[in-house]
Amino acid sequence: MKTRTKRMIEEYLREYPETNRYIKERTLQIIYPAKQPDENVGGGRAQYKYDQSVVYTAIGLAEDKILNTLKHRRDVIDDCLDDAGKDTETIIKELYFKRHPQYSINGLVVNGLIHVSQSKAYELENSFIEEVAEGLDIYDLSDV
């Protein structure tokens, strides 16, 4: 896996704990858009016009690319975590989900928080990152 691709997946993993907040903020931006002031002072309005703002909001929520991307990333990482073993989950949570990680992979092994060798721990981390990349349909051109 190219370093660039790995760094991108690592960044997605670091953003994962805040993903639900990002989704909520984006949803609120769509539901409550910034309204432009009406400069048509004294202008008439159609009397029998049906208000379709609810329809437009529903369509906006369903078709928003940013919102759908955030949800897809969250779902893929959730699925990969569900399939990962306990040691892999410990590694990912410590290295990527904590704002200030206390241990490195070596520290996790030495302190007995995971029960594998250091080389196996790196292998677990890399295979998890590759699984997330595959779930997100991110492929290296060198792999093709």
C-alpha atoms as a PDB file:
ATOM      1  CA  MET A   1       0.000   0.000   0.000  1.00  0.00           C
ATOM      2  CA  LYS A   2       1.309   3.417  -0.903  1.00  0.00           C
ATOM      3  CA  THR A   3       2.177   5.754   1.932  1.00  0.00           C
ATOM      4  CA  ARG A   4      -0.228   8.385   0.635  1.00  0.00           C
ATOM      5  CA  THR A   5      -3.155   5.962   0.726  1.00  0.00           C
ATOM      6  CA  LYS A   6      -2.211   4.721   4.186  1.00  0.00           C
ATOM      7  CA  ARG A   7      -2.000   8.284   5.528  1.00  0.00           C
ATOM      8  CA  MET A   8      -5.430   9.082   4.096  1.00  0.00           C
ATOM      9  CA  ILE A   9      -7.009   6.040   5.795  1.00  0.00           C
ATOM     10  CA  GLU A  10      -5.218   6.911   9.045  1.00  0.00           C
ATOM     11  CA  GLU A  11      -6.719  10.403   8.851  1.00  0.00           C
ATOM     12  CA  TYR A  12     -10.200   8.910   8.381  1.00  0.00           C
ATOM     13  CA  LEU A  13      -9.591   6.739  11.446  1.00  0.00           C
ATOM     14  CA  ARG A  14      -8.532   9.774  13.495  1.00  0.00           C
ATOM     15  CA  GLU A  15     -11.700  11.614  12.429  1.00  0.00           C
ATOM     16  CA  TYR A  16     -13.921   8.603  13.233  1.00  0.00           C
ATOM     17  CA  PRO A  17     -14.696   9.514  16.880  1.00  0.00           C
ATOM     18  CA  GLU A  18     -16.072  12.879  15.702  1.00  0.00           C
ATOM     19  CA  THR A  19     -17.971  11.526  12.690  1.00  0.00           C
ATOM     20  CA  ASN A  20     -21.386  11.469  14.367  1.00  0.00           C
ATOM     21  CA  ARG A  21     -20.953  15.133  15.328  1.00  0.00           C
ATOM     22  CA  TYR A  22     -19.965  15.988  11.733  1.00  0.00           C
ATOM     23  CA  ILE A  23     -23.043  14.147  10.446  1.00  0.00           C
ATOM     24  CA  LYS A  24     -25.311  15.993  12.874  1.00  0.00           C
ATOM     25  CA  GLU A  25     -23.825  19.382  11.941  1.00  0.00           C
ATOM     26  CA  ARG A  26     -24.196  18.696   8.214  1.00  0.00           C
ATOM     27  CA  THR A  27     -27.779  17.521   8.693  1.00  0.00           C
ATOM     28  CA  LEU A  28     -28.617  20.727  10.551  1.00  0.00           C
ATOM     29  CA  GLN A  29     -26.997  22.788   7.774  1.00  0.00           C
ATOM     30  CA  ILE A  30     -29.301  21.130   5.264  1.00  0.00           C
ATOM     31  CA  ILE A  31     -32.447  21.363   7.396  1.00  0.00           C
ATOM     32  CA  TYR A  32     -31.859  24.968   8.442  1.00  0.00           C
ATOM     33  CA  PRO A  33     -30.086  26.684   5.537  1.00  0.00           C
ATOM     34  CA  ALA A  34     -28.958  30.278   5.780  1.00  0.00           C
ATOM     35  CA  LYS A  35     -31.820  32.308   4.326  1.00  0.00           C
ATOM     36  CA  GLN A  36     -31.202  35.200   2.002  1.00  0.00           C
ATOM     37  CA  PRO A  37     -33.005  38.424   2.933  1.00  0.00           C
ATOM     38  CA  ASP A  38     -35.946  39.265   0.686  1.00  0.00           C
ATOM     39  CA  GLU A  39     -35.158  42.482  -1.135  1.00  0.00           C
ATOM     40  CA  ASN A  40     -38.452  42.514  -2.993  1.00  0.00           C
ATOM     41  CA  VAL A  41     -40.090  44.986  -0.639  1.00  0.00           C
ATOM     42  CA  GLY A  42     -43.748  45.457  -1.473  1.00  0.00           C
ATOM     43  CA  GLY A  43     -43.726  42.694  -4.052  1.00  0.00           C
ATOM     44  CA  GLY A  44     -46.655  40.337  -4.234  1.00  0.00           C
ATOM     45  CA  ARG A  45     -46.649  36.675  -3.369  1.00  0.00           C
ATOM     46  CA  ALA A  46     -48.552  33.852  -4.944  1.00  0.00           C
ATOM     47  CA  GLN A  47     -51.584  33.095  -2.808  1.00  0.00           C
ATOM     48  CA  TYR A  48     -52.155  29.451  -3.606  1.00  0.00           C
ATOM     49  CA  LYS A  49     -48.566  28.267  -3.941  1.00  0.00           C
ATOM     50  CA  TYR A  50     -47.857  24.960  -2.195  1.00  0.00           C
ATOM     51  CA  ASP A  51     -44.877  25.119   0.163  1.00  0.00           C
ATOM     52  CA  GLN A  52     -42.457  22.383  -0.876  1.00  0.00           C
ATOM     53  CA  SER A  53     -39.673  23.153   1.573  1.00  0.00           C
ATOM     54  CA  VAL A  54     -40.152  19.812   3.349  1.00  0.00           C
ATOM     55  CA  VAL A  55     -39.806  17.953   0.056  1.00  0.00           C
ATOM     56  CA  TYR A  56     -36.663  19.902  -0.853  1.00  0.00           C
ATOM     57  CA  THR A  57     -35.192  19.248   2.602  1.00  0.00           C
ATOM     58  CA  ALA A  58     -35.825  15.504   2.308  1.00  0.00           C
ATOM     59  CA  ILE A  59     -34.251  15.430  -1.140  1.00  0.00           C
ATOM     60  CA  GLY A  60     -31.308  17.458   0.136  1.00  0.00           C
ATOM     61  CA  LEU A  61     -30.729  15.022   3.000  1.00  0.00           C
ATOM     62  CA  ALA A  62     -30.931  12.006   0.706  1.00  0.00           C
ATOM     63  CA  GLU A  63     -28.682  13.381  -2.032  1.00  0.00           C
ATOM     64  CA  ASP A  64     -26.062  15.376  -0.118  1.00  0.00           C
ATOM     65  CA  LYS A  65     -22.648  14.010  -1.115  1.00  0.00           C
ATOM     66  CA  ILE A  66     -20.826  15.172   2.019  1.00  0.00           C
ATOM     67  CA  LEU A  67     -23.426  13.640   4.319  1.00  0.00           C
ATOM     68  CA  ASN A  68     -23.496  10.364   2.387  1.00  0.00           C
ATOM     69  CA  THR A  69     -19.690  10.174   2.353  1.00  0.00           C
ATOM     70  CA  LEU A  70     -19.488  10.696   6.116  1.00  0.00           C
ATOM     71  CA  LYS A  71     -22.118   8.015   6.735  1.00  0.00           C
ATOM     72  CA  HIS A  72     -20.413   5.580   4.375  1.00  0.00           C
ATOM     73  CA  ARG A  73     -17.015   6.091   6.065  1.00  0.00           C
ATOM     74  CA  ARG A  74     -18.571   5.589   9.492  1.00  0.00           C
ATOM     75  CA  ASP A  75     -20.361   2.419   8.397  1.00  0.00           C
ATOM     76  CA  VAL A  76     -17.255   0.915   6.776  1.00  0.00           C
ATOM     77  CA  ILE A  77     -15.098   1.569   9.846  1.00  0.00           C
ATOM     78  CA  ASP A  78     -17.861   0.168  12.098  1.00  0.00           C
ATOM     79  CA  ASP A  79     -18.019  -3.005  10.005  1.00  0.00           C
ATOM     80  CA  CYS A  80     -14.242  -3.404  10.026  1.00  0.00           C
ATOM     81  CA  LEU A  81     -14.146  -2.940  13.807  1.00  0.00           C
ATOM     82  CA  ASP A  82     -16.884  -5.545  14.218  1.00  0.00           C
ATOM     83  CA  ASP A  83     -14.853  -8.036  12.171  1.00  0.00           C
ATOM     84  CA  ALA A  84     -11.542  -7.208  13.892  1.00  0.00           C
ATOM     85  CA  GLY A  85     -10.238  -9.189  16.807  1.00  0.00           C
ATOM     86  CA  LYS A  86      -9.747  -7.831  20.296  1.00  0.00           C
ATOM     87  CA  ASP A  87      -6.049  -7.085  19.788  1.00  0.00           C
ATOM     88  CA  THR A  88      -6.668  -5.245  16.510  1.00  0.00           C
ATOM     89  CA  GLU A  89      -9.440  -3.231  18.123  1.00  0.00           C
ATOM     90  CA  THR A  90      -7.143  -2.287  21.027  1.00  0.00           C
ATOM     91  CA  ILE A  91      -4.422  -1.179  18.603  1.00  0.00           C
ATOM     92  CA  ILE A  92      -6.779   0.942  16.487  1.00  0.00           C
ATOM     93  CA  LYS A  93      -8.494   2.540  19.480  1.00  0.00           C
ATOM     94  CA  GLU A  94      -5.193   3.424  21.138  1.00  0.00           C
ATOM     95  CA  LEU A  95      -3.372   4.721  18.065  1.00  0.00           C
ATOM     96  CA  TYR A  96      -6.169   6.465  16.183  1.00  0.00           C
ATOM     97  CA  PHE A  97      -9.271   7.055  18.284  1.00  0.00           C
ATOM     98  CA  LYS A  98      -7.606   8.677  21.290  1.00  0.00           C
ATOM     99  CA  ARG A  99      -6.803  12.348  20.997  1.00  0.00           C
ATOM    100  CA  HIS A 100      -3.528  11.840  22.862  1.00  0.00           C
ATOM    101  CA  PRO A 101      -2.413   8.197  22.580  1.00  0.00           C
ATOM    102  CA  GLN A 102      -0.635   6.927  25.657  1.00  0.00           C
ATOM    103  CA  TYR A 103       1.078   3.961  23.982  1.00  0.00           C
ATOM    104  CA  SER A 104       2.698   3.082  20.692  1.00  0.00           C
ATOM    105  CA  ILE A 105       2.418  -0.409  19.263  1.00  0.00           C
ATOM    106  CA  ASN A 106       5.622  -1.302  21.085  1.00  0.00           C
ATOM    107  CA  GLY A 107       4.164   0.069  24.339  1.00  0.00           C
ATOM    108  CA  LEU A 108       0.986  -1.973  23.883  1.00  0.00           C
ATOM    109  CA  VAL A 109       3.038  -5.153  23.473  1.00  0.00           C
ATOM    110  CA  VAL A 110       5.485  -4.454  26.323  1.00  0.00           C
ATOM    111  CA  ASN A 111       2.727  -3.536  28.801  1.00  0.00           C
ATOM    112  CA  GLY A 112       0.695  -6.620  27.920  1.00  0.00           C
ATOM    113  CA  LEU A 113      -2.349  -4.739  26.616  1.00  0.00           C
ATOM    114  CA  ILE A 114      -2.279  -6.898  23.496  1.00  0.00           C
ATOM    115  CA  HIS A 115      -1.171 -10.498  23.438  1.00  0.00           C
ATOM    116  CA  VAL A 116       0.782 -10.714  20.192  1.00  0.00           C
ATOM    117  CA  SER A 117       4.353  -9.979  19.118  1.00  0.00           C
ATOM    118  CA  GLN A 118       5.365  -6.564  17.860  1.00  0.00           C
ATOM    119  CA  SER A 119       5.641  -7.734  14.241  1.00  0.00           C
ATOM    120  CA  LYS A 120       2.193  -9.370  14.450  1.00  0.00           C
ATOM    121  CA  ALA A 121       0.791  -6.135  15.927  1.00  0.00           C
ATOM    122  CA  TYR A 122       2.093  -4.146  12.954  1.00  0.00           C
ATOM    123  CA  GLU A 123       0.625  -6.779  10.651  1.00  0.00           C
ATOM    124  CA  LEU A 124      -2.782  -6.473  12.373  1.00  0.00           C
ATOM    125  CA  GLU A 125      -2.701  -2.689  12.039  1.00  0.00           C
ATOM    126  CA  ASN A 126      -1.774  -2.814   8.354  1.00  0.00           C
ATOM    127  CA  SER A 127      -4.385  -5.448   7.533  1.00  0.00           C
ATOM    128  CA  PHE A 128      -7.070  -3.349   9.279  1.00  0.00           C
ATOM    129  CA  ILE A 129      -6.057  -0.270   7.279  1.00  0.00           C
ATOM    130  CA  GLU A 130      -6.135  -2.297   4.053  1.00  0.00           C
ATOM    131  CA  GLU A 131      -9.577  -3.650   4.942  1.00  0.00           C
ATOM    132  CA  VAL A 132     -10.896  -0.112   5.510  1.00  0.00           C
ATOM    133  CA  ALA A 133      -9.352   1.037   2.212  1.00  0.00           C
ATOM    134  CA  GLU A 134     -11.014  -1.866   0.407  1.00  0.00           C
ATOM    135  CA  GLY A 135     -14.366  -1.065   2.051  1.00  0.00           C
ATOM    136  CA  LEU A 136     -14.055   2.558   0.942  1.00  0.00           C
ATOM    137  CA  ASP A 137     -13.078   1.448  -2.595  1.00  0.00           C
ATOM    138  CA  ILE A 138      -9.690   3.124  -2.343  1.00  0.00           C
ATOM    139  CA  TYR A 139      -7.113   1.256  -4.370  1.00  0.00           C
ATOM    140  CA  ASP A 140      -3.490   1.997  -5.142  1.00  0.00           C
ATOM    141  CA  LEU A 141      -2.577   2.189  -8.797  1.00  0.00           C
ATOM    142  CA  SER A 142       0.452   0.044  -7.984  1.00  0.00           C
ATOM    143  CA  ASP A 143      -1.894  -2.781  -6.879  1.00  0.00           C
ATOM    144  CA  VAL A 144      -3.700  -2.898 -10.221  1.00  0.00           C
END
